[in-house]
Structures are given as C-alpha cells and as structure tokens.
Amino acid sequence: MAVVEQTDHGPMERDMFKYAVFFLVLSLIAGALGLTNVSRVAKRISLVLFALLFLVFLALIGFAYLLSEATAAPALMPAAAALLA
C-alpha cells in the first residue's frame, strides 16, 4: 500500500476557492437586494471558478492515481529478472 504525503495546497487553489465563495456570497446578497444583473454576473464568475477548481482537483487525483500505479508495480522488474537468470 502506497503512502501519500499530504502537502499544503498552493496559493492559487486557496485564492481561487476564496474568490469563488466571495462571488457566491456577493451573488446571494445582490439577488436578495434585487440587483439581478449584479447577481447574474457574480453567479457566473462563481460557477466558473468552482468549475476550474474542480478540474484542478480531478487532475491532481488523476496524477496521484497514475503515480501510485507506476510506483506500486514497476514494469521493468520481469525484464530485469529475465536478464539476471
């Protein structure tokens, strides 16, 4: 079983999440006050930032899976054993 070290997320991911939450709250407040145009724009920005953050998350999960598969069973081991025999 592979051990995965937990690392601190970079500043880009944290800032992206903060901005997405900020625009979501701004959209809710603007919608409550009746500012529908501001609410639509803030909602769109929030959704785009959440989508980008989700795509970055999926890419990191994919890379972690590929890395764990590559280190769990090295592909050259059978060839190395055949050369030594």
Protein backbone atom coordinates (compact mmCIF):
# COMPACT_ATOMS: atom_id res chain seq x y z
CA MET A 1 0.00 0.00 0.00
CA ALA A 2 1.42 3.34 -1.03
CA VAL A 3 1.74 6.14 1.48
CA VAL A 4 0.72 9.54 0.16
CA GLU A 5 2.11 12.58 1.90
CA GLN A 6 -0.31 15.40 2.49
CA THR A 7 1.07 18.66 1.21
CA ASP A 8 -0.10 22.20 1.61
CA HIS A 9 -2.15 23.43 -1.32
CA GLY A 10 -0.59 26.17 -3.38
CA PRO A 11 -1.72 29.76 -3.12
CA MET A 12 -3.54 29.55 -6.47
CA GLU A 13 -6.01 26.90 -5.26
CA ARG A 14 -6.70 28.68 -1.99
CA ASP A 15 -7.21 32.04 -3.68
CA MET A 16 -9.45 30.51 -6.34
CA PHE A 17 -11.66 28.95 -3.67
CA LYS A 18 -11.80 32.20 -1.68
CA TYR A 19 -12.82 34.17 -4.78
CA ALA A 20 -15.43 31.58 -5.73
CA VAL A 21 -17.01 31.75 -2.27
CA PHE A 22 -16.80 35.57 -2.29
CA PHE A 23 -18.63 35.81 -5.61
CA LEU A 24 -21.20 33.26 -4.47
CA VAL A 25 -21.98 35.33 -1.36
CA LEU A 26 -22.00 38.52 -3.45
CA SER A 27 -24.48 36.90 -5.83
CA LEU A 28 -26.77 35.88 -2.98
CA ILE A 29 -26.69 39.34 -1.40
CA ALA A 30 -27.24 41.09 -4.72
CA GLY A 31 -30.15 38.78 -5.50
CA ALA A 32 -31.70 39.48 -2.11
CA LEU A 33 -31.42 43.22 -2.70
CA GLY A 34 -32.99 42.95 -6.16
CA LEU A 35 -29.83 43.71 -8.14
CA THR A 36 -30.41 40.96 -10.68
CA ASN A 37 -27.71 41.98 -13.19
CA VAL A 38 -25.02 42.07 -10.50
CA SER A 39 -26.31 38.78 -9.13
CA ARG A 40 -26.13 37.10 -12.56
CA VAL A 41 -22.57 38.25 -13.20
CA ALA A 42 -21.36 37.25 -9.73
CA LYS A 43 -23.09 33.88 -10.06
CA ARG A 44 -21.43 33.22 -13.41
CA ILE A 45 -17.98 34.13 -12.05
CA SER A 46 -18.53 31.93 -9.01
CA LEU A 47 -19.58 28.95 -11.12
CA VAL A 48 -16.59 29.32 -13.44
CA LEU A 49 -14.17 29.48 -10.51
CA PHE A 50 -15.76 26.44 -8.83
CA ALA A 51 -15.56 24.53 -12.13
CA LEU A 52 -11.88 25.41 -12.57
CA LEU A 53 -11.14 24.39 -9.00
CA PHE A 54 -12.97 21.09 -9.55
CA LEU A 55 -10.99 20.41 -12.74
CA VAL A 56 -7.71 21.08 -10.93
CA PHE A 57 -8.85 18.70 -8.19
CA LEU A 58 -9.68 15.97 -10.72
CA ALA A 59 -6.31 16.43 -12.45
CA LEU A 60 -4.49 16.06 -9.13
CA ILE A 61 -6.46 12.91 -8.30
CA GLY A 62 -5.61 11.50 -11.73
CA PHE A 63 -1.92 12.26 -11.35
CA ALA A 64 -1.90 10.71 -7.87
CA TYR A 65 -3.54 7.55 -9.25
CA LEU A 66 -1.06 7.31 -12.12
CA LEU A 67 1.85 7.87 -9.77
CA SER A 68 0.64 5.21 -7.34
CA GLU A 69 0.19 2.72 -10.20
CA ALA A 70 3.66 3.47 -11.56
CA THR A 71 5.39 3.02 -8.21
CA ALA A 72 3.33 0.04 -6.97
CA ALA A 73 4.37 -2.43 -9.70
CA PRO A 74 7.43 -1.42 -11.70
CA ALA A 75 7.12 -2.55 -15.32
CA LEU A 76 10.82 -3.41 -15.72
CA MET A 77 11.02 -5.97 -12.93
CA PRO A 78 10.16 -9.03 -15.10
CA ALA A 79 12.68 -7.91 -17.72
CA ALA A 80 15.38 -7.41 -15.09
CA ALA A 81 14.69 -10.86 -13.66
CA ALA A 82 14.96 -12.43 -17.12
CA LEU A 83 18.32 -10.74 -17.72
CA LEU A 84 19.73 -11.94 -14.42
CA ALA A 85 18.60 -15.56 -14.93
